[in-house]
C-alpha atoms as a PDB file:
ATOM      1  CA  MET A   1      30.195   6.298  15.035  1.00  0.00           C
ATOM      2  CA  PRO A   2      26.809   7.604  16.302  1.00  0.00           C
ATOM      3  CA  TRP A   3      23.425   5.891  16.268  1.00  0.00           C
ATOM      4  CA  TYR A   4      20.462   7.241  14.387  1.00  0.00           C
ATOM      5  CA  ALA A   5      16.726   6.558  14.765  1.00  0.00           C
ATOM      6  CA  VAL A   6      14.826   6.531  11.470  1.00  0.00           C
ATOM      7  CA  ARG A   7      11.087   6.791  11.626  1.00  0.00           C
ATOM      8  CA  PRO A   8       8.257   7.848   9.318  1.00  0.00           C
ATOM      9  CA  ARG A   9       6.949  11.376   9.596  1.00  0.00           C
ATOM     10  CA  ASP A  10       3.422   9.942   9.399  1.00  0.00           C
ATOM     11  CA  VAL A  11       3.028   6.867  11.622  1.00  0.00           C
ATOM     12  CA  ALA A  12       0.293   5.643   9.204  1.00  0.00           C
ATOM     13  CA  ASP A  13       2.529   5.691   6.127  1.00  0.00           C
ATOM     14  CA  PRO A  14       1.900   2.443   4.332  1.00  0.00           C
ATOM     15  CA  ARG A  15       5.459   2.313   3.017  1.00  0.00           C
ATOM     16  CA  TRP A  16       6.919   1.762   6.490  1.00  0.00           C
ATOM     17  CA  PRO A  17       8.486  -1.766   6.305  1.00  0.00           C
ATOM     18  CA  LEU A  18       7.961  -2.868   9.856  1.00  0.00           C
ATOM     19  CA  PRO A  19       4.388  -2.138  11.102  1.00  0.00           C
ATOM     20  CA  GLY A  20       4.307  -2.136  14.901  1.00  0.00           C
ATOM     21  CA  THR A  21       7.858  -0.877  15.122  1.00  0.00           C
ATOM     22  CA  PRO A  22       7.950   2.901  15.586  1.00  0.00           C
ATOM     23  CA  GLU A  23      11.556   3.386  14.507  1.00  0.00           C
ATOM     24  CA  ILE A  24      14.658   1.659  13.233  1.00  0.00           C
ATOM     25  CA  VAL A  25      17.961   2.430  14.991  1.00  0.00           C
ATOM     26  CA  LEU A  26      21.177   2.065  12.967  1.00  0.00           C
ATOM     27  CA  LYS A  27      24.754   3.220  13.129  1.00  0.00           C
ATOM     28  CA  ALA A  28      26.037   5.671  10.566  1.00  0.00           C
ATOM     29  CA  ASP A  29      28.536   8.464  10.021  1.00  0.00           C
ATOM     30  CA  ASP A  30      25.839  11.179   9.650  1.00  0.00           C
ATOM     31  CA  PRO A  31      22.011  11.560   9.142  1.00  0.00           C
ATOM     32  CA  ALA A  32      22.349  11.410   5.392  1.00  0.00           C
ATOM     33  CA  ARG A  33      24.262   8.133   5.488  1.00  0.00           C
ATOM     34  CA  ALA A  34      21.675   6.776   7.967  1.00  0.00           C
ATOM     35  CA  ARG A  35      18.895   7.586   5.558  1.00  0.00           C
ATOM     36  CA  ALA A  36      20.895   5.937   2.708  1.00  0.00           C
ATOM     37  CA  LYS A  37      21.414   2.768   4.745  1.00  0.00           C
ATOM     38  CA  PHE A  38      17.701   2.586   5.578  1.00  0.00           C
ATOM     39  CA  GLU A  39      16.737   3.004   1.945  1.00  0.00           C
ATOM     40  CA  GLU A  40      19.203   0.267   0.925  1.00  0.00           C
ATOM     41  CA  ALA A  41      18.091  -2.139   3.642  1.00  0.00           C
ATOM     42  CA  TYR A  42      14.337  -1.582   3.196  1.00  0.00           C
ATOM     43  CA  PRO A  43      13.634  -0.838  -0.452  1.00  0.00           C
ATOM     44  CA  SER A  44       9.909  -1.875  -0.048  1.00  0.00           C
ATOM     45  CA  GLU A  45       9.021  -2.126  -3.741  1.00  0.00           C
ATOM     46  CA  PRO A  46      12.443  -1.774  -5.262  1.00  0.00           C
ATOM     47  CA  PHE A  47      11.339  -1.356  -8.924  1.00  0.00           C
ATOM     48  CA  GLY A  48       8.911   1.078 -10.500  1.00  0.00           C
ATOM     49  CA  SER A  49       6.787  -0.744 -13.051  1.00  0.00           C
ATOM     50  CA  PRO A  50       7.430  -3.266 -15.811  1.00  0.00           C
ATOM     51  CA  ALA A  51       7.454  -0.385 -18.290  1.00  0.00           C
ATOM     52  CA  VAL A  52       9.881   1.631 -16.143  1.00  0.00           C
ATOM     53  CA  PRO A  53      12.037  -0.787 -14.100  1.00  0.00           C
ATOM     54  CA  VAL A  54      14.060   1.804 -12.190  1.00  0.00           C
ATOM     55  CA  PRO A  55      15.756   0.514  -9.050  1.00  0.00           C
ATOM     56  CA  GLY A  56      14.569   2.144  -5.791  1.00  0.00           C
ATOM     57  CA  ALA A  57      11.721   4.040  -7.330  1.00  0.00           C
ATOM     58  CA  GLY A  58       8.695   1.804  -6.677  1.00  0.00           C
ATOM     59  CA  ALA A  59       5.445   3.027  -5.246  1.00  0.00           C
ATOM     60  CA  GLY A  60       6.431   1.640  -1.809  1.00  0.00           C
ATOM     61  CA  SER A  61       9.955   3.248  -1.744  1.00  0.00           C
ATOM     62  CA  PHE A  62      11.063   6.136   0.474  1.00  0.00           C
ATOM     63  CA  HIS A  63      13.792   6.889  -2.063  1.00  0.00           C
ATOM     64  CA  GLY A  64      13.677  10.545  -3.156  1.00  0.00           C
ATOM     65  CA  ASP A  65      11.035  11.462  -0.517  1.00  0.00           C
ATOM     66  CA  ALA A  66      13.238  13.289   1.927  1.00  0.00           C
ATOM     67  CA  ASP A  67      10.321  14.714   3.917  1.00  0.00           C
ATOM     68  CA  ALA A  68       8.725  11.281   4.612  1.00  0.00           C
ATOM     69  CA  LEU A  69      11.430  10.194   7.083  1.00  0.00           C
ATOM     70  CA  ILE A  70      12.725  11.732  10.292  1.00  0.00           C
ATOM     71  CA  VAL A  71      16.363  10.892  11.104  1.00  0.00           C
ATOM     72  CA  ALA A  72      17.604  11.841  14.547  1.00  0.00           C
ATOM     73  CA  GLU A  73      20.656  11.000  16.516  1.00  0.00           C
ATOM     74  CA  THR A  74      19.962   8.696  19.464  1.00  0.00           C
ATOM     75  CA  GLY A  75      21.653   6.518  21.977  1.00  0.00           C
ATOM     76  CA  GLU A  76      22.892   2.920  21.493  1.00  0.00           C
ATOM     77  CA  PRO A  77      19.868   0.514  21.476  1.00  0.00           C
ATOM     78  CA  ALA A  78      19.427  -1.873  24.299  1.00  0.00           C
ATOM     79  CA  ALA A  79      20.651  -5.431  23.704  1.00  0.00           C
ATOM     80  CA  PRO A  80      17.907  -7.882  22.854  1.00  0.00           C
ATOM     81  CA  ARG A  81      16.938 -10.210  25.663  1.00  0.00           C
ATOM     82  CA  ASP A  82      16.208 -13.905  25.077  1.00  0.00           C
END
């Protein structure tokens, strides 16, 4: 299974869940699944508003904004060092 790097198109996007981390690398079958895994793991604000409590559609969510993320195949990340 290949590795994919997920990063915001705009480095100043306030929805990015890990400021100071330029990309998140994860393993997935294809780019679409990598994007789905990212959206599941980092929902940001998972619900819209009290009037419209729709999962995954909050103001801080990347859900449904396909142009906001860049997903590219990459190599296996280096192991963390203690």
